Amino acid sequence: ALVCELRADTGDDEVAWRRDVRHAARLAWSPGEPRT
């Protein structure tokens, strides 16, 4: 997996491989409730 990652040169900043499945870090908006 590391060889594939290095040679692909995707530009992703953070990547995690789990059981040969590639995951990449993404920012997502998580709504929350107003707090007093």
PDB file of all heavy atoms in Angstrom:
ATOM      1  N   ALA A   1       0.834  -1.203   0.000  1.00  0.00           N
ATOM      2  CA  ALA A   1       0.000   0.000   0.000  1.00  0.00           C
ATOM      3  C   ALA A   1       0.867   1.251   0.000  1.00  0.00           C
ATOM      4  O   ALA A   1       0.548   2.247  -0.664  1.00  0.00           O
ATOM      5  CB  ALA A   1      -0.925  -0.005   1.216  1.00  0.00           C
ATOM      6  N   LEU A   2       1.968   1.225   0.746  1.00  0.00           N
ATOM      7  CA  LEU A   2       2.845   2.391   0.816  1.00  0.00           C
ATOM      8  C   LEU A   2       3.472   2.688  -0.544  1.00  0.00           C
ATOM      9  O   LEU A   2       3.548   3.855  -0.954  1.00  0.00           O
ATOM     10  CB  LEU A   2       3.932   2.164   1.865  1.00  0.00           C
ATOM     11  CG  LEU A   2       4.938   3.307   2.043  1.00  0.00           C
ATOM     12  CD1 LEU A   2       4.235   4.616   2.356  1.00  0.00           C
ATOM     13  CD2 LEU A   2       5.937   2.958   3.150  1.00  0.00           C
ATOM     14  N   VAL A   3       3.912   1.673  -1.253  1.00  0.00           N
ATOM     15  CA  VAL A   3       4.484   1.882  -2.579  1.00  0.00           C
ATOM     16  C   VAL A   3       3.450   2.509  -3.511  1.00  0.00           C
ATOM     17  O   VAL A   3       3.742   3.460  -4.250  1.00  0.00           O
ATOM     18  CB  VAL A   3       5.012   0.555  -3.160  1.00  0.00           C
ATOM     19  CG1 VAL A   3       5.377   0.721  -4.635  1.00  0.00           C
ATOM     20  CG2 VAL A   3       6.227   0.081  -2.374  1.00  0.00           C
ATOM     21  N   CYS A   4       2.220   2.010  -3.481  1.00  0.00           N
ATOM     22  CA  CYS A   4       1.148   2.590  -4.302  1.00  0.00           C
ATOM     23  C   CYS A   4       0.905   4.047  -3.932  1.00  0.00           C
ATOM     24  O   CYS A   4       0.726   4.907  -4.808  1.00  0.00           O
ATOM     25  CB  CYS A   4      -0.137   1.784  -4.138  1.00  0.00           C
ATOM     26  SG  CYS A   4      -0.086   0.117  -4.822  1.00  0.00           S
ATOM     27  N   GLU A   5       0.901   4.338  -2.642  1.00  0.00           N
ATOM     28  CA  GLU A   5       0.671   5.706  -2.164  1.00  0.00           C
ATOM     29  C   GLU A   5       1.775   6.642  -2.628  1.00  0.00           C
ATOM     30  O   GLU A   5       1.513   7.748  -3.131  1.00  0.00           O
ATOM     31  CB  GLU A   5       0.580   5.714  -0.640  1.00  0.00           C
ATOM     32  CG  GLU A   5       0.200   7.048  -0.033  1.00  0.00           C
ATOM     33  CD  GLU A   5      -1.224   7.451  -0.342  1.00  0.00           C
ATOM     34  OE1 GLU A   5      -2.119   6.588  -0.259  1.00  0.00           O
ATOM     35  OE2 GLU A   5      -1.445   8.636  -0.668  1.00  0.00           O
ATOM     36  N   LEU A   6       3.012   6.216  -2.483  1.00  0.00           N
ATOM     37  CA  LEU A   6       4.139   7.066  -2.850  1.00  0.00           C
ATOM     38  C   LEU A   6       4.139   7.353  -4.346  1.00  0.00           C
ATOM     39  O   LEU A   6       4.327   8.503  -4.772  1.00  0.00           O
ATOM     40  CB  LEU A   6       5.451   6.395  -2.456  1.00  0.00           C
ATOM     41  CG  LEU A   6       5.699   6.191  -0.959  1.00  0.00           C
ATOM     42  CD1 LEU A   6       7.001   5.428  -0.738  1.00  0.00           C
ATOM     43  CD2 LEU A   6       5.735   7.515  -0.206  1.00  0.00           C
ATOM     44  N   ARG A   7       3.911   6.337  -5.151  1.00  0.00           N
ATOM     45  CA  ARG A   7       4.019   6.504  -6.597  1.00  0.00           C
ATOM     46  C   ARG A   7       2.806   7.228  -7.183  1.00  0.00           C
ATOM     47  O   ARG A   7       2.884   7.801  -8.267  1.00  0.00           O
ATOM     48  CB  ARG A   7       4.220   5.151  -7.276  1.00  0.00           C
ATOM     49  CG  ARG A   7       5.445   4.412  -6.786  1.00  0.00           C
ATOM     50  CD  ARG A   7       5.827   3.232  -7.656  1.00  0.00           C
ATOM     51  NE  ARG A   7       6.718   3.636  -8.729  1.00  0.00           N
ATOM     52  CZ  ARG A   7       6.420   3.578 -10.025  1.00  0.00           C
ATOM     53  NH1 ARG A   7       5.237   3.141 -10.393  1.00  0.00           N
ATOM     54  NH2 ARG A   7       7.288   3.946 -10.943  1.00  0.00           N
ATOM     55  N   ALA A   8       1.678   7.221  -6.465  1.00  0.00           N
ATOM     56  CA  ALA A   8       0.481   7.914  -6.972  1.00  0.00           C
ATOM     57  C   ALA A   8       0.614   9.425  -6.839  1.00  0.00           C
ATOM     58  O   ALA A   8       0.075  10.181  -7.640  1.00  0.00           O
ATOM     59  CB  ALA A   8      -0.756   7.423  -6.235  1.00  0.00           C
ATOM     60  N   ASP A   9       1.285   9.893  -5.779  1.00  0.00           N
ATOM     61  CA  ASP A   9       1.521  11.326  -5.594  1.00  0.00           C
ATOM     62  C   ASP A   9       0.221  12.119  -5.686  1.00  0.00           C
ATOM     63  O   ASP A   9       0.067  13.019  -6.514  1.00  0.00           O
ATOM     64  CB  ASP A   9       2.536  11.828  -6.632  1.00  0.00           C
ATOM     65  CG  ASP A   9       2.967  13.261  -6.368  1.00  0.00           C
ATOM     66  OD1 ASP A   9       3.016  13.654  -5.192  1.00  0.00           O
ATOM     67  OD2 ASP A   9       3.248  13.982  -7.342  1.00  0.00           O
ATOM     68  N   THR A  10      -0.741  11.778  -4.825  1.00  0.00           N
ATOM     69  CA  THR A  10      -2.065  12.413  -4.889  1.00  0.00           C
ATOM     70  C   THR A  10      -2.103  13.820  -4.323  1.00  0.00           C
ATOM     71  O   THR A  10      -2.992  14.600  -4.646  1.00  0.00           O
ATOM     72  CB  THR A  10      -3.092  11.568  -4.118  1.00  0.00           C
ATOM     73  OG1 THR A  10      -2.720  11.534  -2.731  1.00  0.00           O
ATOM     74  CG2 THR A  10      -3.149  10.156  -4.666  1.00  0.00           C
ATOM     75  N   GLY A  11      -1.179  14.137  -3.431  1.00  0.00           N
ATOM     76  CA  GLY A  11      -1.219  15.443  -2.784  1.00  0.00           C
ATOM     77  C   GLY A  11      -2.034  15.474  -1.508  1.00  0.00           C
ATOM     78  O   GLY A  11      -2.122  16.515  -0.844  1.00  0.00           O
ATOM     79  N   ASP A  12      -2.649  14.341  -1.112  1.00  0.00           N
ATOM     80  CA  ASP A  12      -3.384  14.300   0.159  1.00  0.00           C
ATOM     81  C   ASP A  12      -2.409  14.467   1.323  1.00  0.00           C
ATOM     82  O   ASP A  12      -1.341  13.862   1.346  1.00  0.00           O
ATOM     83  CB  ASP A  12      -4.128  12.969   0.300  1.00  0.00           C
ATOM     84  CG  ASP A  12      -5.389  12.922  -0.542  1.00  0.00           C
ATOM     85  OD1 ASP A  12      -6.047  13.969  -0.658  1.00  0.00           O
ATOM     86  OD2 ASP A  12      -5.703  11.847  -1.082  1.00  0.00           O
ATOM     87  N   ASP A  13      -2.816  15.269   2.303  1.00  0.00           N
ATOM     88  CA  ASP A  13      -1.937  15.545   3.439  1.00  0.00           C
ATOM     89  C   ASP A  13      -1.914  14.418   4.463  1.00  0.00           C
ATOM     90  O   ASP A  13      -0.881  14.160   5.080  1.00  0.00           O
ATOM     91  CB  ASP A  13      -2.375  16.845   4.143  1.00  0.00           C
ATOM     92  CG  ASP A  13      -2.210  18.053   3.247  1.00  0.00           C
ATOM     93  OD1 ASP A  13      -1.295  18.037   2.400  1.00  0.00           O
ATOM     94  OD2 ASP A  13      -3.002  18.997   3.377  1.00  0.00           O
ATOM     95  N   GLU A  14      -3.063  13.778   4.677  1.00  0.00           N
ATOM     96  CA  GLU A  14      -3.143  12.718   5.684  1.00  0.00           C
ATOM     97  C   GLU A  14      -3.916  11.537   5.113  1.00  0.00           C
ATOM     98  O   GLU A  14      -5.044  11.686   4.649  1.00  0.00           O
ATOM     99  CB  GLU A  14      -3.844  13.218   6.948  1.00  0.00           C
ATOM    100  CG  GLU A  14      -3.090  14.315   7.676  1.00  0.00           C
ATOM    101  CD  GLU A  14      -3.820  14.740   8.939  1.00  0.00           C
ATOM    102  OE1 GLU A  14      -4.015  13.894   9.829  1.00  0.00           O
ATOM    103  OE2 GLU A  14      -4.194  15.923   9.021  1.00  0.00           O
ATOM    104  N   VAL A  15      -3.289  10.375   5.177  1.00  0.00           N
ATOM    105  CA  VAL A  15      -3.882   9.164   4.617  1.00  0.00           C
ATOM    106  C   VAL A  15      -3.724   8.029   5.614  1.00  0.00           C
ATOM    107  O   VAL A  15      -2.700   7.931   6.312  1.00  0.00           O
ATOM    108  CB  VAL A  15      -3.193   8.784   3.286  1.00  0.00           C
ATOM    109  CG1 VAL A  15      -3.668   7.424   2.789  1.00  0.00           C
ATOM    110  CG2 VAL A  15      -3.439   9.855   2.232  1.00  0.00           C
ATOM    111  N   ALA A  16      -4.736   7.186   5.707  1.00  0.00           N
ATOM    112  CA  ALA A  16      -4.664   5.986   6.547  1.00  0.00           C
ATOM    113  C   ALA A  16      -5.138   4.794   5.725  1.00  0.00           C
ATOM    114  O   ALA A  16      -6.217   4.836   5.127  1.00  0.00           O
ATOM    115  CB  ALA A  16      -5.526   6.144   7.805  1.00  0.00           C
ATOM    116  N   TRP A  17      -4.325   3.763   5.682  1.00  0.00           N
ATOM    117  CA  TRP A  17      -4.694   2.522   5.000  1.00  0.00           C
ATOM    118  C   TRP A  17      -5.115   1.498   6.038  1.00  0.00           C
ATOM    119  O   TRP A  17      -4.390   1.242   6.998  1.00  0.00           O
ATOM    120  CB  TRP A  17      -3.508   1.979   4.200  1.00  0.00           C
ATOM    121  CG  TRP A  17      -3.248   2.695   2.919  1.00  0.00           C
ATOM    122  CD1 TRP A  17      -2.565   3.866   2.752  1.00  0.00           C
ATOM    123  CD2 TRP A  17      -3.650   2.278   1.605  1.00  0.00           C
ATOM    124  NE1 TRP A  17      -2.525   4.213   1.434  1.00  0.00           N
ATOM    125  CE2 TRP A  17      -3.170   3.250   0.702  1.00  0.00           C
ATOM    126  CE3 TRP A  17      -4.357   1.180   1.121  1.00  0.00           C
ATOM    127  CZ2 TRP A  17      -3.386   3.154  -0.671  1.00  0.00           C
ATOM    128  CZ3 TRP A  17      -4.561   1.085  -0.249  1.00  0.00           C
ATOM    129  CH2 TRP A  17      -4.084   2.052  -1.128  1.00  0.00           C
ATOM    130  N   ARG A  18      -6.308   0.923   5.819  1.00  0.00           N
ATOM    131  CA  ARG A  18      -6.830  -0.100   6.722  1.00  0.00           C
ATOM    132  C   ARG A  18      -7.333  -1.287   5.907  1.00  0.00           C
ATOM    133  O   ARG A  18      -8.247  -1.153   5.114  1.00  0.00           O
ATOM    134  CB  ARG A  18      -7.971   0.471   7.593  1.00  0.00           C
ATOM    135  CG  ARG A  18      -7.502   1.526   8.590  1.00  0.00           C
ATOM    136  CD  ARG A  18      -6.543   0.935   9.615  1.00  0.00           C
ATOM    137  NE  ARG A  18      -6.059   1.908  10.583  1.00  0.00           N
ATOM    138  CZ  ARG A  18      -4.938   2.623  10.432  1.00  0.00           C
ATOM    139  NH1 ARG A  18      -4.209   2.458   9.347  1.00  0.00           N
ATOM    140  NH2 ARG A  18      -4.557   3.461  11.369  1.00  0.00           N
ATOM    141  N   ARG A  19      -6.665  -2.436   6.089  1.00  0.00           N
ATOM    142  CA  ARG A  19      -7.026  -3.665   5.363  1.00  0.00           C
ATOM    143  C   ARG A  19      -7.111  -3.409   3.859  1.00  0.00           C
ATOM    144  O   ARG A  19      -8.074  -3.764   3.188  1.00  0.00           O
ATOM    145  CB  ARG A  19      -8.332  -4.246   5.907  1.00  0.00           C
ATOM    146  CG  ARG A  19      -8.248  -4.648   7.378  1.00  0.00           C
ATOM    147  CD  ARG A  19      -9.514  -5.316   7.853  1.00  0.00           C
ATOM    148  NE  ARG A  19      -9.391  -5.689   9.259  1.00  0.00           N
ATOM    149  CZ  ARG A  19      -8.821  -6.820   9.695  1.00  0.00           C
ATOM    150  NH1 ARG A  19      -8.325  -7.685   8.811  1.00  0.00           N
ATOM    151  NH2 ARG A  19      -8.744  -7.091  10.985  1.00  0.00           N
ATOM    152  N   ASP A  20      -6.069  -2.734   3.363  1.00  0.00           N
ATOM    153  CA  ASP A  20      -5.936  -2.433   1.936  1.00  0.00           C
ATOM    154  C   ASP A  20      -6.999  -1.466   1.423  1.00  0.00           C
ATOM    155  O   ASP A  20      -7.199  -1.349   0.211  1.00  0.00           O
ATOM    156  CB  ASP A  20      -5.967  -3.713   1.095  1.00  0.00           C
ATOM    157  CG  ASP A  20      -4.703  -4.539   1.288  1.00  0.00           C
ATOM    158  OD1 ASP A  20      -3.634  -3.939   1.472  1.00  0.00           O
ATOM    159  OD2 ASP A  20      -4.799  -5.779   1.272  1.00  0.00           O
ATOM    160  N   VAL A  21      -7.679  -0.775   2.318  1.00  0.00           N
ATOM    161  CA  VAL A  21      -8.645   0.265   1.932  1.00  0.00           C
ATOM    162  C   VAL A  21      -8.051   1.614   2.318  1.00  0.00           C
ATOM    163  O   VAL A  21      -7.603   1.803   3.454  1.00  0.00           O
ATOM    164  CB  VAL A  21     -10.008   0.063   2.617  1.00  0.00           C
ATOM    165  CG1 VAL A  21     -10.959   1.201   2.258  1.00  0.00           C
ATOM    166  CG2 VAL A  21     -10.607  -1.281   2.211  1.00  0.00           C
ATOM    167  N   ARG A  22      -8.059   2.533   1.384  1.00  0.00           N
ATOM    168  CA  ARG A  22      -7.436   3.841   1.591  1.00  0.00           C
ATOM    169  C   ARG A  22      -8.454   4.855   2.110  1.00  0.00           C
ATOM    170  O   ARG A  22      -9.525   5.031   1.529  1.00  0.00           O
ATOM    171  CB  ARG A  22      -6.829   4.339   0.281  1.00  0.00           C
ATOM    172  CG  ARG A  22      -6.079   5.661   0.381  1.00  0.00           C
ATOM    173  CD  ARG A  22      -5.505   6.009  -0.989  1.00  0.00           C
ATOM    174  NE  ARG A  22      -4.679   7.198  -0.939  1.00  0.00           N
ATOM    175  CZ  ARG A  22      -5.123   8.433  -1.123  1.00  0.00           C
ATOM    176  NH1 ARG A  22      -6.411   8.641  -1.361  1.00  0.00           N
ATOM    177  NH2 ARG A  22      -4.303   9.470  -1.071  1.00  0.00           N
ATOM    178  N   HIS A  23      -8.105   5.525   3.201  1.00  0.00           N
ATOM    179  CA  HIS A  23      -8.916   6.598   3.767  1.00  0.00           C
ATOM    180  C   HIS A  23      -8.079   7.879   3.769  1.00  0.00           C
ATOM    181  O   HIS A  23      -6.882   7.839   4.060  1.00  0.00           O
ATOM    182  CB  HIS A  23      -9.346   6.274   5.200  1.00  0.00           C
ATOM    183  CG  HIS A  23     -10.109   4.993   5.323  1.00  0.00           C
ATOM    184  ND1 HIS A  23     -11.491   4.946   5.392  1.00  0.00           N
ATOM    185  CD2 HIS A  23      -9.681   3.706   5.393  1.00  0.00           C
ATOM    186  CE1 HIS A  23     -11.876   3.683   5.503  1.00  0.00           C
ATOM    187  NE2 HIS A  23     -10.803   2.910   5.501  1.00  0.00           N
ATOM    188  N   ALA A  24      -8.715   9.002   3.475  1.00  0.00           N
ATOM    189  CA  ALA A  24      -8.021  10.286   3.479  1.00  0.00           C
ATOM    190  C   ALA A  24      -8.755  11.258   4.395  1.00  0.00           C
ATOM    191  O   ALA A  24      -9.981  11.271   4.455  1.00  0.00           O
ATOM    192  CB  ALA A  24      -7.931  10.855   2.067  1.00  0.00           C
ATOM    193  N   ALA A  25      -7.988  12.045   5.120  1.00  0.00           N
ATOM    194  CA  ALA A  25      -8.588  13.009   6.049  1.00  0.00           C
ATOM    195  C   ALA A  25      -9.266  14.131   5.280  1.00  0.00           C
ATOM    196  O   ALA A  25      -8.702  14.700   4.346  1.00  0.00           O
ATOM    197  CB  ALA A  25      -7.511  13.580   6.965  1.00  0.00           C
ATOM    198  N   ARG A  26     -10.483  14.436   5.701  1.00  0.00           N
ATOM    199  CA  ARG A  26     -11.244  15.532   5.113  1.00  0.00           C
ATOM    200  C   ARG A  26     -11.911  16.325   6.232  1.00  0.00           C
ATOM    201  O   ARG A  26     -12.308  15.768   7.253  1.00  0.00           O
ATOM    202  CB  ARG A  26     -12.329  15.001   4.160  1.00  0.00           C
ATOM    203  CG  ARG A  26     -11.777  14.236   2.953  1.00  0.00           C
ATOM    204  CD  ARG A  26     -11.151  15.182   1.954  1.00  0.00           C
ATOM    205  NE  ARG A  26     -10.782  14.499   0.725  1.00  0.00           N
ATOM    206  CZ  ARG A  26      -9.577  14.028   0.468  1.00  0.00           C
ATOM    207  NH1 ARG A  26      -8.619  14.136   1.386  1.00  0.00           N
ATOM    208  NH2 ARG A  26      -9.305  13.444  -0.692  1.00  0.00           N
ATOM    209  N   LEU A  27     -12.047  17.627   6.019  1.00  0.00           N
ATOM    210  CA  LEU A  27     -12.772  18.452   6.971  1.00  0.00           C
ATOM    211  C   LEU A  27     -14.246  18.456   6.616  1.00  0.00           C
ATOM    212  O   LEU A  27     -14.614  18.661   5.448  1.00  0.00           O
ATOM    213  CB  LEU A  27     -12.232  19.882   6.971  1.00  0.00           C
ATOM    214  CG  LEU A  27     -10.900  20.115   7.697  1.00  0.00           C
ATOM    215  CD1 LEU A  27     -10.494  21.577   7.569  1.00  0.00           C
ATOM    216  CD2 LEU A  27     -10.992  19.718   9.156  1.00  0.00           C
ATOM    217  N   ALA A  28     -15.080  18.230   7.600  1.00  0.00           N
ATOM    218  CA  ALA A  28     -16.521  18.235   7.375  1.00  0.00           C
ATOM    219  C   ALA A  28     -17.188  19.077   8.460  1.00  0.00           C
ATOM    220  O   ALA A  28     -16.750  19.073   9.622  1.00  0.00           O
ATOM    221  CB  ALA A  28     -17.073  16.812   7.397  1.00  0.00           C
ATOM    222  N   TRP A  29     -18.236  19.774   8.081  1.00  0.00           N
ATOM    223  CA  TRP A  29     -18.965  20.618   9.030  1.00  0.00           C
ATOM    224  C   TRP A  29     -19.865  19.751   9.899  1.00  0.00           C
ATOM    225  O   TRP A  29     -20.639  18.944   9.406  1.00  0.00           O
ATOM    226  CB  TRP A  29     -19.793  21.658   8.300  1.00  0.00           C
ATOM    227  CG  TRP A  29     -20.582  22.541   9.229  1.00  0.00           C
ATOM    228  CD1 TRP A  29     -21.917  22.481   9.484  1.00  0.00           C
ATOM    229  CD2 TRP A  29     -20.068  23.595  10.026  1.00  0.00           C
ATOM    230  NE1 TRP A  29     -22.271  23.433  10.387  1.00  0.00           N
ATOM    231  CE2 TRP A  29     -21.151  24.145  10.747  1.00  0.00           C
ATOM    232  CE3 TRP A  29     -18.804  24.143  10.203  1.00  0.00           C
ATOM    233  CZ2 TRP A  29     -21.005  25.205  11.622  1.00  0.00           C
ATOM    234  CZ3 TRP A  29     -18.652  25.199  11.084  1.00  0.00           C
ATOM    235  CH2 TRP A  29     -19.737  25.725  11.776  1.00  0.00           C
ATOM    236  N   SER A  30     -19.713  19.905  11.208  1.00  0.00           N
ATOM    237  CA  SER A  30     -20.547  19.161  12.141  1.00  0.00           C
ATOM    238  C   SER A  30     -21.437  20.143  12.892  1.00  0.00           C
ATOM    239  O   SER A  30     -20.948  20.937  13.710  1.00  0.00           O
ATOM    240  CB  SER A  30     -19.666  18.388  13.141  1.00  0.00           C
ATOM    241  OG  SER A  30     -20.462  17.735  14.105  1.00  0.00           O
ATOM    242  N   PRO A  31     -22.741  20.146  12.584  1.00  0.00           N
ATOM    243  CA  PRO A  31     -23.635  21.105  13.258  1.00  0.00           C
ATOM    244  C   PRO A  31     -23.784  20.767  14.732  1.00  0.00           C
ATOM    245  O   PRO A  31     -23.685  19.615  15.136  1.00  0.00           O
ATOM    246  CB  PRO A  31     -24.963  20.938  12.510  1.00  0.00           C
ATOM    247  CG  PRO A  31     -24.914  19.547  11.986  1.00  0.00           C
ATOM    248  CD  PRO A  31     -23.470  19.270  11.647  1.00  0.00           C
ATOM    249  N   GLY A  32     -23.982  21.776  15.507  1.00  0.00           N
ATOM    250  CA  GLY A  32     -24.175  21.570  16.948  1.00  0.00           C
ATOM    251  C   GLY A  32     -25.296  22.456  17.454  1.00  0.00           C
ATOM    252  O   GLY A  32     -25.764  23.357  16.770  1.00  0.00           O
ATOM    253  N   GLU A  33     -25.713  22.197  18.650  1.00  0.00           N
ATOM    254  CA  GLU A  33     -26.793  22.988  19.260  1.00  0.00           C
ATOM    255  C   GLU A  33     -26.218  24.188  19.986  1.00  0.00           C
ATOM    256  O   GLU A  33     -25.155  24.106  20.605  1.00  0.00           O
ATOM    257  CB  GLU A  33     -27.590  22.134  20.246  1.00  0.00           C
ATOM    258  CG  GLU A  33     -28.341  20.970  19.593  1.00  0.00           C
ATOM    259  CD  GLU A  33     -29.375  21.451  18.609  1.00  0.00           C
ATOM    260  OE1 GLU A  33     -29.965  22.529  18.867  1.00  0.00           O
ATOM    261  OE2 GLU A  33     -29.586  20.786  17.586  1.00  0.00           O
ATOM    262  N   PRO A  34     -26.904  25.351  19.914  1.00  0.00           N
ATOM    263  CA  PRO A  34     -26.440  26.505  20.676  1.00  0.00           C
ATOM    264  C   PRO A  34     -26.378  26.185  22.171  1.00  0.00           C
ATOM    265  O   PRO A  34     -27.202  25.463  22.695  1.00  0.00           O
ATOM    266  CB  PRO A  34     -27.516  27.567  20.382  1.00  0.00           C
ATOM    267  CG  PRO A  34     -28.224  27.083  19.163  1.00  0.00           C
ATOM    268  CD  PRO A  34     -28.142  25.592  19.177  1.00  0.00           C
ATOM    269  N   ARG A  35     -25.333  26.703  22.809  1.00  0.00           N
ATOM    270  CA  ARG A  35     -25.168  26.448  24.243  1.00  0.00           C
ATOM    271  C   ARG A  35     -25.317  27.763  25.020  1.00  0.00           C
ATOM    272  O   ARG A  35     -24.770  28.790  24.618  1.00  0.00           O
ATOM    273  CB  ARG A  35     -23.796  25.831  24.522  1.00  0.00           C
ATOM    274  CG  ARG A  35     -23.679  24.409  24.037  1.00  0.00           C
ATOM    275  CD  ARG A  35     -22.331  23.831  24.383  1.00  0.00           C
ATOM    276  NE  ARG A  35     -21.265  24.500  23.621  1.00  0.00           N
ATOM    277  CZ  ARG A  35     -19.974  24.239  23.782  1.00  0.00           C
ATOM    278  NH1 ARG A  35     -19.574  23.381  24.698  1.00  0.00           N
ATOM    279  NH2 ARG A  35     -19.071  24.845  23.043  1.00  0.00           N
ATOM    280  N   THR A  36     -26.047  27.723  26.107  1.00  0.00           N
ATOM    281  CA  THR A  36     -26.209  28.899  26.955  1.00  0.00           C
ATOM    282  C   THR A  36     -24.978  29.095  27.811  1.00  0.00           C
ATOM    283  O   THR A  36     -24.514  28.173  28.461  1.00  0.00           O
ATOM    284  CB  THR A  36     -27.438  28.713  27.882  1.00  0.00           C
ATOM    285  OG1 THR A  36     -28.584  28.455  27.082  1.00  0.00           O
ATOM    286  CG2 THR A  36     -27.641  29.955  28.730  1.00  0.00           C
TER     287      THR A  36
END
